[in-house]
Amino acid sequence: MSTALAIAELEAGYEPGLAIVRGASLEIAAGEIVALLGPNGAGKSTLAKAVAGLVPIFSGSVRLGEKEIAGAQAHLLARAGLGFVPQTENVFAPLTVAENLELAAAVAHVKAKQRLPELYALFPDLAKARRIDAGRLSGGQRQMLAMARALVPNPRVLILDEPSAGLSPKLVEHAFAKLAEIAASGVAVLLVEQNVKAALAIAARGAVLVEGRVHVDAPARDLQVPGVLERLFFPHAEAAAP
């Protein structure tokens, strides 16, 4: 499989001289789901936002296919083939489902009449709710809409920041099943997630971020062994124990 996204020695953060991501490296192949895991404060969301053009990058490389994109503006990255679903404020609540998708199409210079039927086929619940304001959707429907918005430009890579936050286990299962469908179509998926069990159930690999660096990159099945993630999340705990 070809590499869709390659992150190399990435340093990023909100303030110069205060890097939160400290030399992270990670590759994702087309059609692959990689779960980005780690303890709170490890820099997972910061890494995702940096790749998506929302947090300053101090050094390192981010390649989308063969193209270097480190430091590019977020709206240009969307047009280049990188979709991003933030954890919050990921839909326009006063607009209907259809208006949300049509606006995304206009921004991405995509013909809505061609693209939206494909997205309604992927998300049948949105097709039924297309005239409903996004603010009136259930949590699961809103997450589906956020994913659909990011997919409007038909991206090569989709990055999601904590998509299961606030969802019931049943809705998480439904949302993640859709992610598996998206990956099966050839899209590379980077899934930043605190729901480790659900993320590893659909991911091919898990990358564990500790103190801003990818501490371990391993097959998902290897990380599902009881006790493994606890040791990886807190690598200094055993050394500090008496």
C-alpha atoms as a PDB file:
ATOM      1  CA  MET A   1       0.000   0.000   0.000  1.00  0.00           C
ATOM      2  CA  SER A   2       1.177   3.522  -0.792  1.00  0.00           C
ATOM      3  CA  THR A   3       1.885   5.976   2.005  1.00  0.00           C
ATOM      4  CA  ALA A   4      -0.887   8.563   2.220  1.00  0.00           C
ATOM      5  CA  LEU A   5       0.448  10.586   5.176  1.00  0.00           C
ATOM      6  CA  ALA A   6       4.010  10.725   6.484  1.00  0.00           C
ATOM      7  CA  ILE A   7       4.907  12.711   9.612  1.00  0.00           C
ATOM      8  CA  ALA A   8       8.618  12.969  10.411  1.00  0.00           C
ATOM      9  CA  GLU A   9      10.302  14.511  13.464  1.00  0.00           C
ATOM     10  CA  LEU A  10       7.425  16.919  13.963  1.00  0.00           C
ATOM     11  CA  GLU A  11       7.808  19.696  16.535  1.00  0.00           C
ATOM     12  CA  ALA A  12       4.695  21.773  17.157  1.00  0.00           C
ATOM     13  CA  GLY A  13       2.899  23.794  19.813  1.00  0.00           C
ATOM     14  CA  TYR A  14       0.990  26.937  20.576  1.00  0.00           C
ATOM     15  CA  GLU A  15       3.905  29.099  21.712  1.00  0.00           C
ATOM     16  CA  PRO A  16       7.426  29.344  20.210  1.00  0.00           C
ATOM     17  CA  GLY A  17       9.923  27.532  22.395  1.00  0.00           C
ATOM     18  CA  LEU A  18       7.204  25.515  24.135  1.00  0.00           C
ATOM     19  CA  ALA A  19       6.793  22.465  21.919  1.00  0.00           C
ATOM     20  CA  ILE A  20       4.032  20.041  22.894  1.00  0.00           C
ATOM     21  CA  VAL A  21       4.733  17.653  20.030  1.00  0.00           C
ATOM     22  CA  ARG A  22       8.443  16.855  20.316  1.00  0.00           C
ATOM     23  CA  GLY A  23       9.816  14.917  17.374  1.00  0.00           C
ATOM     24  CA  ALA A  24       6.811  12.733  16.517  1.00  0.00           C
ATOM     25  CA  SER A  25       7.039  10.452  13.466  1.00  0.00           C
ATOM     26  CA  LEU A  26       4.240   8.350  11.978  1.00  0.00           C
ATOM     27  CA  GLU A  27       3.163   6.970   8.600  1.00  0.00           C
ATOM     28  CA  ILE A  28      -0.302   5.916   7.449  1.00  0.00           C
ATOM     29  CA  ALA A  29      -1.029   3.947   4.287  1.00  0.00           C
ATOM     30  CA  ALA A  30      -3.982   4.453   1.988  1.00  0.00           C
ATOM     31  CA  GLY A  31      -6.990   2.561   3.348  1.00  0.00           C
ATOM     32  CA  GLU A  32      -5.431   2.099   6.788  1.00  0.00           C
ATOM     33  CA  ILE A  33      -6.819   3.172  10.155  1.00  0.00           C
ATOM     34  CA  VAL A  34      -4.230   4.164  12.748  1.00  0.00           C
ATOM     35  CA  ALA A  35      -5.369   4.934  16.295  1.00  0.00           C
ATOM     36  CA  LEU A  36      -3.345   7.655  18.013  1.00  0.00           C
ATOM     37  CA  LEU A  37      -3.446   6.822  21.718  1.00  0.00           C
ATOM     38  CA  GLY A  38      -1.819   8.090  24.877  1.00  0.00           C
ATOM     39  CA  PRO A  39      -2.367   9.575  28.324  1.00  0.00           C
ATOM     40  CA  ASN A  40      -3.979  12.982  28.827  1.00  0.00           C
ATOM     41  CA  GLY A  41      -1.543  15.749  27.942  1.00  0.00           C
ATOM     42  CA  ALA A  42       0.559  13.583  25.631  1.00  0.00           C
ATOM     43  CA  GLY A  43      -0.055  15.930  22.690  1.00  0.00           C
ATOM     44  CA  LYS A  44      -2.448  13.821  20.612  1.00  0.00           C
ATOM     45  CA  SER A  45      -4.876  16.590  19.698  1.00  0.00           C
ATOM     46  CA  THR A  46      -2.031  19.059  19.196  1.00  0.00           C
ATOM     47  CA  LEU A  47      -0.392  16.705  16.710  1.00  0.00           C
ATOM     48  CA  ALA A  48      -3.662  16.265  14.817  1.00  0.00           C
ATOM     49  CA  LYS A  49      -4.299  20.013  14.687  1.00  0.00           C
ATOM     50  CA  ALA A  50      -0.721  20.722  13.611  1.00  0.00           C
ATOM     51  CA  VAL A  51      -1.011  18.332  10.685  1.00  0.00           C
ATOM     52  CA  ALA A  52      -4.375  19.934   9.812  1.00  0.00           C
ATOM     53  CA  GLY A  53      -2.846  23.425   9.738  1.00  0.00           C
ATOM     54  CA  LEU A  54      -4.418  24.686  12.963  1.00  0.00           C
ATOM     55  CA  VAL A  55      -1.372  24.692  15.286  1.00  0.00           C
ATOM     56  CA  PRO A  56       2.042  26.161  14.415  1.00  0.00           C
ATOM     57  CA  ILE A  57       4.734  23.703  13.299  1.00  0.00           C
ATOM     58  CA  PHE A  58       8.251  24.598  14.455  1.00  0.00           C
ATOM     59  CA  SER A  59      10.175  21.937  12.546  1.00  0.00           C
ATOM     60  CA  GLY A  60       9.853  18.563  10.876  1.00  0.00           C
ATOM     61  CA  SER A  61       7.994  17.289   7.841  1.00  0.00           C
ATOM     62  CA  VAL A  62       4.397  16.409   6.961  1.00  0.00           C
ATOM     63  CA  ARG A  63       3.841  14.851   3.566  1.00  0.00           C
ATOM     64  CA  LEU A  64       0.456  14.216   1.959  1.00  0.00           C
ATOM     65  CA  GLY A  65       1.396  11.636  -0.622  1.00  0.00           C
ATOM     66  CA  GLU A  66       4.458  13.185  -2.271  1.00  0.00           C
ATOM     67  CA  LYS A  67       3.570  16.770  -1.339  1.00  0.00           C
ATOM     68  CA  GLU A  68       5.094  18.598   1.621  1.00  0.00           C
ATOM     69  CA  ILE A  69       2.277  20.312   3.531  1.00  0.00           C
ATOM     70  CA  ALA A  70       3.858  21.333   6.851  1.00  0.00           C
ATOM     71  CA  GLY A  71       2.721  24.841   7.715  1.00  0.00           C
ATOM     72  CA  ALA A  72       0.094  25.071   4.966  1.00  0.00           C
ATOM     73  CA  GLN A  73      -3.189  26.835   5.774  1.00  0.00           C
ATOM     74  CA  ALA A  74      -6.112  24.661   6.822  1.00  0.00           C
ATOM     75  CA  HIS A  75      -8.439  25.594   3.935  1.00  0.00           C
ATOM     76  CA  LEU A  76      -5.716  24.821   1.395  1.00  0.00           C
ATOM     77  CA  LEU A  77      -5.072  21.449   3.040  1.00  0.00           C
ATOM     78  CA  ALA A  78      -8.761  20.564   2.677  1.00  0.00           C
ATOM     79  CA  ARG A  79      -8.545  21.230  -1.044  1.00  0.00           C
ATOM     80  CA  ALA A  80      -5.275  19.274  -1.257  1.00  0.00           C
ATOM     81  CA  GLY A  81      -6.877  16.131   0.137  1.00  0.00           C
ATOM     82  CA  LEU A  82      -6.702  16.283   3.930  1.00  0.00           C
ATOM     83  CA  GLY A  83      -9.957  16.191   5.898  1.00  0.00           C
ATOM     84  CA  PHE A  84     -10.125  17.106   9.588  1.00  0.00           C
ATOM     85  CA  VAL A  85     -12.966  16.583  12.069  1.00  0.00           C
ATOM     86  CA  PRO A  86     -12.414  18.583  15.283  1.00  0.00           C
ATOM     87  CA  GLN A  87     -13.866  17.406  18.568  1.00  0.00           C
ATOM     88  CA  THR A  88     -16.093  20.457  19.074  1.00  0.00           C
ATOM     89  CA  GLU A  89     -17.690  23.141  16.889  1.00  0.00           C
ATOM     90  CA  ASN A  90     -17.530  20.796  13.923  1.00  0.00           C
ATOM     91  CA  VAL A  91     -20.890  21.735  12.340  1.00  0.00           C
ATOM     92  CA  PHE A  92     -22.856  24.959  11.838  1.00  0.00           C
ATOM     93  CA  ALA A  93     -25.795  24.501  14.212  1.00  0.00           C
ATOM     94  CA  PRO A  94     -28.159  27.125  12.664  1.00  0.00           C
ATOM     95  CA  LEU A  95     -27.826  25.596   9.184  1.00  0.00           C
ATOM     96  CA  THR A  96     -29.627  22.500   7.959  1.00  0.00           C
ATOM     97  CA  VAL A  97     -27.786  19.282   7.186  1.00  0.00           C
ATOM     98  CA  ALA A  98     -28.000  20.046   3.474  1.00  0.00           C
ATOM     99  CA  GLU A  99     -26.782  23.623   3.968  1.00  0.00           C
ATOM    100  CA  ASN A 100     -23.804  22.402   6.014  1.00  0.00           C
ATOM    101  CA  LEU A 101     -22.771  20.076   3.203  1.00  0.00           C
ATOM    102  CA  GLU A 102     -23.465  22.600   0.446  1.00  0.00           C
ATOM    103  CA  LEU A 103     -21.336  25.193   2.244  1.00  0.00           C
ATOM    104  CA  ALA A 104     -18.490  22.686   2.587  1.00  0.00           C
ATOM    105  CA  ALA A 105     -18.769  21.970  -1.134  1.00  0.00           C
ATOM    106  CA  ALA A 106     -18.647  25.680  -1.996  1.00  0.00           C
ATOM    107  CA  VAL A 107     -15.546  26.241   0.153  1.00  0.00           C
ATOM    108  CA  ALA A 108     -13.802  23.216  -1.382  1.00  0.00           C
ATOM    109  CA  HIS A 109     -14.861  24.156  -4.931  1.00  0.00           C
ATOM    110  CA  VAL A 110     -16.695  20.841  -5.280  1.00  0.00           C
ATOM    111  CA  LYS A 111     -19.904  20.360  -7.272  1.00  0.00           C
ATOM    112  CA  ALA A 112     -22.495  19.638  -4.584  1.00  0.00           C
ATOM    113  CA  LYS A 113     -24.935  17.956  -6.969  1.00  0.00           C
ATOM    114  CA  GLN A 114     -22.317  15.326  -7.763  1.00  0.00           C
ATOM    115  CA  ARG A 115     -20.789  14.787  -4.327  1.00  0.00           C
ATOM    116  CA  LEU A 116     -23.701  15.064  -1.912  1.00  0.00           C
ATOM    117  CA  PRO A 117     -25.687  12.064  -3.219  1.00  0.00           C
ATOM    118  CA  GLU A 118     -22.615   9.889  -2.547  1.00  0.00           C
ATOM    119  CA  LEU A 119     -22.422  11.170   1.024  1.00  0.00           C
ATOM    120  CA  TYR A 120     -26.142  10.684   1.610  1.00  0.00           C
ATOM    121  CA  ALA A 121     -25.709   7.101   0.428  1.00  0.00           C
ATOM    122  CA  LEU A 122     -22.884   6.621   2.952  1.00  0.00           C
ATOM    123  CA  PHE A 123     -24.871   8.305   5.749  1.00  0.00           C
ATOM    124  CA  PRO A 124     -28.561   7.408   5.211  1.00  0.00           C
ATOM    125  CA  ASP A 125     -29.593   9.082   8.476  1.00  0.00           C
ATOM    126  CA  LEU A 126     -28.350  12.404   7.109  1.00  0.00           C
ATOM    127  CA  ALA A 127     -30.359  11.939   3.934  1.00  0.00           C
ATOM    128  CA  LYS A 128     -33.509  11.593   6.032  1.00  0.00           C
ATOM    129  CA  ALA A 129     -32.571  14.646   8.123  1.00  0.00           C
ATOM    130  CA  ARG A 130     -31.252  16.882   5.345  1.00  0.00           C
ATOM    131  CA  ARG A 131     -33.810  19.663   6.051  1.00  0.00           C
ATOM    132  CA  ILE A 132     -33.272  19.627   9.824  1.00  0.00           C
ATOM    133  CA  ASP A 133     -31.063  22.229  11.517  1.00  0.00           C
ATOM    134  CA  ALA A 134     -27.781  20.700  12.670  1.00  0.00           C
ATOM    135  CA  GLY A 135     -28.394  22.055  16.157  1.00  0.00           C
ATOM    136  CA  ARG A 136     -31.413  19.772  16.496  1.00  0.00           C
ATOM    137  CA  LEU A 137     -29.549  16.580  15.576  1.00  0.00           C
ATOM    138  CA  SER A 138     -28.670  13.873  18.078  1.00  0.00           C
ATOM    139  CA  GLY A 139     -25.042  13.561  19.129  1.00  0.00           C
ATOM    140  CA  GLY A 140     -24.507  10.637  16.793  1.00  0.00           C
ATOM    141  CA  GLN A 141     -26.149  12.395  13.837  1.00  0.00           C
ATOM    142  CA  ARG A 142     -24.079  15.500  14.460  1.00  0.00           C
ATOM    143  CA  GLN A 143     -20.891  13.430  14.443  1.00  0.00           C
ATOM    144  CA  MET A 144     -21.966  11.834  11.163  1.00  0.00           C
ATOM    145  CA  LEU A 145     -22.554  15.293   9.707  1.00  0.00           C
ATOM    146  CA  ALA A 146     -19.111  16.440  10.839  1.00  0.00           C
ATOM    147  CA  MET A 147     -17.568  13.415   9.150  1.00  0.00           C
ATOM    148  CA  ALA A 148     -19.598  14.000   5.995  1.00  0.00           C
ATOM    149  CA  ARG A 149     -18.500  17.654   5.865  1.00  0.00           C
ATOM    150  CA  ALA A 150     -14.861  16.601   6.028  1.00  0.00           C
ATOM    151  CA  LEU A 151     -15.454  14.054   3.274  1.00  0.00           C
ATOM    152  CA  VAL A 152     -17.027  16.526   0.844  1.00  0.00           C
ATOM    153  CA  PRO A 153     -13.708  17.222  -0.978  1.00  0.00           C
ATOM    154  CA  ASN A 154     -13.105  13.445  -1.267  1.00  0.00           C
ATOM    155  CA  PRO A 155      -9.902  13.531   0.826  1.00  0.00           C
ATOM    156  CA  ARG A 156      -7.028  11.047   0.709  1.00  0.00           C
ATOM    157  CA  VAL A 157      -6.543  11.376   4.484  1.00  0.00           C
ATOM    158  CA  LEU A 158      -9.134  11.870   7.230  1.00  0.00           C
ATOM    159  CA  ILE A 159      -8.079  12.945  10.737  1.00  0.00           C
ATOM    160  CA  LEU A 160     -10.595  12.796  13.582  1.00  0.00           C
ATOM    161  CA  ASP A 161     -10.067  14.281  17.048  1.00  0.00           C
ATOM    162  CA  GLU A 162     -11.969  12.331  19.734  1.00  0.00           C
ATOM    163  CA  PRO A 163     -15.027  11.450  17.597  1.00  0.00           C
ATOM    164  CA  SER A 164     -16.528   9.254  20.347  1.00  0.00           C
ATOM    165  CA  ALA A 165     -16.646  12.062  22.943  1.00  0.00           C
ATOM    166  CA  GLY A 166     -20.120  12.331  24.455  1.00  0.00           C
ATOM    167  CA  LEU A 167     -21.581   9.435  22.462  1.00  0.00           C
ATOM    168  CA  SER A 168     -23.253   6.346  23.901  1.00  0.00           C
ATOM    169  CA  PRO A 169     -21.543   2.983  23.301  1.00  0.00           C
ATOM    170  CA  LYS A 170     -24.122   2.135  20.617  1.00  0.00           C
ATOM    171  CA  LEU A 171     -23.519   5.402  18.764  1.00  0.00           C
ATOM    172  CA  VAL A 172     -19.757   4.938  19.040  1.00  0.00           C
ATOM    173  CA  GLU A 173     -20.114   1.529  17.448  1.00  0.00           C
ATOM    174  CA  HIS A 174     -22.175   3.010  14.619  1.00  0.00           C
ATOM    175  CA  ALA A 175     -19.773   5.915  14.022  1.00  0.00           C
ATOM    176  CA  PHE A 176     -16.743   3.650  14.004  1.00  0.00           C
ATOM    177  CA  ALA A 177     -18.440   1.248  11.605  1.00  0.00           C
ATOM    178  CA  LYS A 178     -18.759   4.186   9.218  1.00  0.00           C
ATOM    179  CA  LEU A 179     -15.059   4.931   9.669  1.00  0.00           C
ATOM    180  CA  ALA A 180     -14.269   1.372   8.668  1.00  0.00           C
ATOM    181  CA  GLU A 181     -16.367   1.859   5.519  1.00  0.00           C
ATOM    182  CA  ILE A 182     -14.532   5.081   4.733  1.00  0.00           C
ATOM    183  CA  ALA A 183     -11.136   3.395   5.125  1.00  0.00           C
ATOM    184  CA  ALA A 184     -12.277   0.491   2.962  1.00  0.00           C
ATOM    185  CA  SER A 185     -12.806   2.998   0.142  1.00  0.00           C
ATOM    186  CA  GLY A 186      -9.077   3.807   0.244  1.00  0.00           C
ATOM    187  CA  VAL A 187      -9.012   6.787   2.628  1.00  0.00           C
ATOM    188  CA  ALA A 188      -6.237   6.801   5.243  1.00  0.00           C
ATOM    189  CA  VAL A 189      -7.664   7.484   8.711  1.00  0.00           C
ATOM    190  CA  LEU A 190      -5.843   8.900  11.731  1.00  0.00           C
ATOM    191  CA  LEU A 191      -8.086   8.420  14.757  1.00  0.00           C
ATOM    192  CA  VAL A 192      -7.212  10.410  17.887  1.00  0.00           C
ATOM    193  CA  GLU A 193      -9.173   8.663  20.589  1.00  0.00           C
ATOM    194  CA  GLN A 194      -9.505   8.148  24.339  1.00  0.00           C
ATOM    195  CA  ASN A 195     -11.868   5.211  23.865  1.00  0.00           C
ATOM    196  CA  VAL A 196      -8.987   2.805  23.433  1.00  0.00           C
ATOM    197  CA  LYS A 197     -11.044  -0.369  23.178  1.00  0.00           C
ATOM    198  CA  ALA A 198     -13.300   0.958  20.420  1.00  0.00           C
ATOM    199  CA  ALA A 199     -10.415   2.522  18.507  1.00  0.00           C
ATOM    200  CA  LEU A 200      -8.265  -0.605  18.506  1.00  0.00           C
ATOM    201  CA  ALA A 201     -11.258  -2.698  17.432  1.00  0.00           C
ATOM    202  CA  ILE A 202     -11.241  -1.003  14.008  1.00  0.00           C
ATOM    203  CA  ALA A 203      -7.608   0.104  13.683  1.00  0.00           C
ATOM    204  CA  ALA A 204      -4.865  -1.806  11.919  1.00  0.00           C
ATOM    205  CA  ARG A 205      -2.240  -0.170  14.130  1.00  0.00           C
ATOM    206  CA  GLY A 206      -1.979   1.841  17.279  1.00  0.00           C
ATOM    207  CA  ALA A 207       0.559   4.595  17.857  1.00  0.00           C
ATOM    208  CA  VAL A 208       1.129   5.508  21.498  1.00  0.00           C
ATOM    209  CA  LEU A 209       2.135   9.122  22.060  1.00  0.00           C
ATOM    210  CA  VAL A 210       3.962   9.868  25.305  1.00  0.00           C
ATOM    211  CA  GLU A 211       5.370  13.316  26.101  1.00  0.00           C
ATOM    212  CA  GLY A 212       4.975  14.445  22.510  1.00  0.00           C
ATOM    213  CA  ARG A 213       6.744  11.500  20.873  1.00  0.00           C
ATOM    214  CA  VAL A 214       5.504   8.276  19.320  1.00  0.00           C
ATOM    215  CA  HIS A 215       6.687   5.844  21.963  1.00  0.00           C
ATOM    216  CA  VAL A 216       5.356   2.689  20.274  1.00  0.00           C
ATOM    217  CA  ASP A 217       3.852   1.958  16.851  1.00  0.00           C
ATOM    218  CA  ALA A 218       2.447  -1.580  16.781  1.00  0.00           C
ATOM    219  CA  PRO A 219      -0.341  -3.755  15.348  1.00  0.00           C
ATOM    220  CA  ALA A 220      -3.623  -3.116  17.132  1.00  0.00           C
ATOM    221  CA  ARG A 221      -3.884  -6.748  18.290  1.00  0.00           C
ATOM    222  CA  ASP A 222      -0.568  -6.422  20.139  1.00  0.00           C
ATOM    223  CA  LEU A 223      -1.845  -3.420  22.077  1.00  0.00           C
ATOM    224  CA  GLN A 224      -5.019  -5.220  23.127  1.00  0.00           C
ATOM    225  CA  VAL A 225      -3.104  -7.595  25.401  1.00  0.00           C
ATOM    226  CA  PRO A 226      -4.111  -6.796  29.018  1.00  0.00           C
ATOM    227  CA  GLY A 227      -1.644  -4.498  30.778  1.00  0.00           C
ATOM    228  CA  VAL A 228       0.304  -3.475  27.676  1.00  0.00           C
ATOM    229  CA  LEU A 229      -1.196  -0.024  27.228  1.00  0.00           C
ATOM    230  CA  GLU A 230      -0.935   0.806  30.912  1.00  0.00           C
ATOM    231  CA  ARG A 231       2.808   0.174  30.752  1.00  0.00           C
ATOM    232  CA  LEU A 232       3.138   2.178  27.528  1.00  0.00           C
ATOM    233  CA  PHE A 233       1.092   5.145  28.730  1.00  0.00           C
ATOM    234  CA  PHE A 234       3.185   5.473  31.870  1.00  0.00           C
ATOM    235  CA  PRO A 235       6.658   4.176  30.943  1.00  0.00           C
ATOM    236  CA  HIS A 236       8.328   5.777  33.973  1.00  0.00           C
ATOM    237  CA  ALA A 237       5.935   4.291  36.529  1.00  0.00           C
ATOM    238  CA  GLU A 238       7.674   0.919  36.892  1.00  0.00           C
ATOM    239  CA  ALA A 239      11.097   2.524  37.104  1.00  0.00           C
ATOM    240  CA  ALA A 240       9.881   4.824  39.862  1.00  0.00           C
ATOM    241  CA  ALA A 241       8.233   2.026  41.819  1.00  0.00           C
ATOM    242  CA  PRO A 242      10.146   0.821  44.902  1.00  0.00           C
END
